[in-house]
Protein backbone atom coordinates (compact mmCIF):
# COMPACT_ATOMS: atom_id res chain seq x y z
CA UNK A 1 -44.70 15.87 36.13
CA UNK A 2 -40.93 15.53 36.18
CA UNK A 3 -38.65 18.44 37.14
CA UNK A 4 -35.63 17.12 35.22
CA UNK A 5 -34.12 19.23 32.43
CA UNK A 6 -31.60 16.49 31.58
CA UNK A 7 -31.82 12.73 31.38
CA UNK A 8 -31.00 11.43 34.85
CA UNK A 9 -29.34 8.01 34.89
CA UNK A 10 -28.20 6.31 38.10
CA UNK A 11 -24.95 4.93 36.69
CA UNK A 12 -23.90 8.36 35.43
CA UNK A 13 -24.90 10.06 38.70
CA UNK A 14 -22.91 7.61 40.78
CA UNK A 15 -19.95 7.99 38.44
CA UNK A 16 -19.93 11.72 39.20
CA UNK A 17 -19.45 10.96 42.91
CA UNK A 18 -15.99 9.51 42.25
CA UNK A 19 -13.04 11.33 43.85
CA UNK A 20 -15.28 13.48 46.04
CA UNK A 21 -16.55 13.74 49.61
CA UNK A 22 -19.55 11.69 48.49
CA UNK A 23 -17.35 8.76 47.50
CA UNK A 24 -15.24 9.12 50.65
CA UNK A 25 -18.34 8.90 52.85
CA UNK A 26 -19.75 5.97 50.85
CA UNK A 27 -22.79 7.78 49.44
CA UNK A 28 -24.71 6.32 46.51
CA UNK A 29 -27.67 7.59 44.53
CA UNK A 30 -30.25 4.80 44.47
CA UNK A 31 -33.45 6.17 42.93
CA UNK A 32 -34.66 8.91 40.63
CA UNK A 33 -38.13 10.33 41.36
CA UNK A 34 -40.12 12.92 39.41
CA UNK A 35 -39.38 15.48 42.15
CA UNK A 36 -35.90 14.57 43.42
CA UNK A 37 -33.43 11.83 44.26
CA UNK A 38 -32.89 9.15 46.92
CA UNK A 39 -29.60 7.77 48.12
CA UNK A 40 -27.85 5.84 50.85
CA UNK A 41 -24.90 6.41 53.15
CA UNK A 42 -23.30 3.90 55.54
CA UNK A 43 -23.06 4.55 59.26
CA UNK A 44 -19.50 3.41 59.85
CA UNK A 45 -16.08 4.70 60.90
CA UNK A 46 -16.19 7.34 58.11
CA UNK A 47 -19.49 8.86 59.22
CA UNK A 48 -19.74 8.57 63.02
CA UNK A 49 -18.63 10.98 65.73
CA UNK A 50 -16.47 9.88 68.71
CA UNK A 51 -19.54 8.68 70.67
CA UNK A 52 -20.26 6.19 67.87
CA UNK A 53 -23.40 7.87 66.47
CA UNK A 54 -23.93 9.25 62.99
CA UNK A 55 -22.15 12.61 62.85
CA UNK A 56 -24.43 15.60 62.27
CA UNK A 57 -21.94 16.92 59.75
CA UNK A 58 -22.13 13.67 57.80
CA UNK A 59 -25.93 13.94 57.76
CA UNK A 60 -25.68 17.53 56.56
CA UNK A 61 -23.15 16.56 53.86
CA UNK A 62 -25.47 13.75 52.73
CA UNK A 63 -28.48 16.09 52.63
CA UNK A 64 -26.54 18.77 50.76
CA UNK A 65 -25.23 16.26 48.25
CA UNK A 66 -28.69 14.92 47.43
CA UNK A 67 -30.13 18.43 47.07
CA UNK A 68 -27.18 19.79 45.08
CA UNK A 69 -27.15 16.94 42.59
CA UNK A 70 -30.92 17.19 42.20
CA UNK A 71 -30.85 20.97 41.75
CA UNK A 72 -28.21 20.85 39.05
CA UNK A 73 -30.20 18.37 37.00
CA UNK A 74 -33.32 20.51 37.43
CA UNK A 75 -31.65 23.86 36.60
CA UNK A 76 -31.61 23.53 32.84
CA UNK A 77 -29.11 24.25 30.09
CA UNK A 78 -26.92 27.29 30.70
CA UNK A 79 -27.41 27.25 34.49
CA UNK A 80 -25.86 25.57 37.51
CA UNK A 81 -26.71 25.57 41.22
CA UNK A 82 -24.61 26.16 44.33
CA UNK A 83 -25.54 25.91 47.97
CA UNK A 84 -26.74 29.13 49.58
CA UNK A 85 -28.02 27.86 52.94
CA UNK A 86 -28.63 24.55 54.69
CA UNK A 87 -30.12 23.66 58.04
CA UNK A 88 -30.50 20.28 59.67
CA UNK A 89 -32.42 19.02 62.66
CA UNK A 90 -31.01 15.79 64.07
CA UNK A 91 -33.95 13.77 65.40
CA UNK A 92 -32.52 10.44 66.57
CA UNK A 93 -29.10 8.78 66.83
CA UNK A 94 -28.00 5.94 64.57
CA UNK A 95 -24.93 3.88 65.41
CA UNK A 96 -24.76 1.28 62.62
CA UNK A 97 -26.23 0.22 59.31
CA UNK A 98 -27.23 2.42 56.42
CA UNK A 99 -29.28 5.59 56.27
CA UNK A 100 -31.47 6.53 53.32
CA UNK A 101 -32.03 10.11 52.23
CA UNK A 102 -34.71 11.56 49.99
CA UNK A 103 -34.48 15.06 48.47
CA UNK A 104 -37.74 16.63 47.25
CA UNK A 105 -38.11 19.96 45.56
CA UNK A 106 -40.20 22.59 47.36
CA UNK A 107 -39.54 25.52 44.99
CA UNK A 108 -37.92 25.81 41.56
CA UNK A 109 -37.43 29.49 40.87
CA UNK A 110 -35.46 31.51 38.36
CA UNK A 111 -32.76 32.45 40.91
CA UNK A 112 -33.30 30.01 43.80
CA UNK A 113 -34.39 26.45 44.50
CA UNK A 114 -35.55 25.17 47.90
CA UNK A 115 -35.23 21.48 48.76
CA UNK A 116 -36.54 19.31 51.61
CA UNK A 117 -34.33 16.38 52.57
CA UNK A 118 -35.31 13.64 55.01
CA UNK A 119 -32.95 10.94 56.24
CA UNK A 120 -34.27 7.67 57.71
CA UNK A 121 -32.65 4.65 59.37
CA UNK A 122 -33.13 1.04 58.32
CA UNK A 123 -36.34 0.84 60.39
CA UNK A 124 -37.68 3.86 58.44
CA UNK A 125 -37.43 6.09 61.53
CA UNK A 126 -36.71 9.75 60.89
CA UNK A 127 -33.07 10.56 61.70
CA UNK A 128 -32.62 14.04 60.24
CA UNK A 129 -34.72 16.63 58.48
CA UNK A 130 -32.98 19.28 56.43
CA UNK A 131 -33.84 22.18 54.14
CA UNK A 132 -31.49 23.61 51.57
CA UNK A 133 -31.62 26.74 49.46
CA UNK A 134 -29.69 26.72 46.21
CA UNK A 135 -28.60 29.75 44.21
CA UNK A 136 -29.23 29.32 40.48
CA UNK A 137 -26.35 30.84 38.50
CA UNK A 138 -25.84 31.46 34.81
CA UNK A 139 -23.04 29.27 33.45
């Protein structure tokens, strides 16, 4: 059963990323699932730290973006979601290519949502695991 309270269309989602951190870091939403969204982010000069590996902050920004976008489409008319807490465990380094993230809902409550986000490299190896709590606010 789908969690979406609005029609979720990839072209519209990606259009909303324009002129934001998401666009600057090269993020794209690639798939809509019944329980969340998937997307990609390049590992390049915009997203690596000085040692040449994917920056933990870029991974956290990617995870938060996937969860935030998902939460707002699952919140329903008259409500919006904002980040309350995020954590991220960085499992393995990535120095090139593209990472893929997948946000899945854990809890959709009246005042909070909890999301699980996993990021994998091009060999489908786990790079980062993150959990985000969203506050659901009345518009």
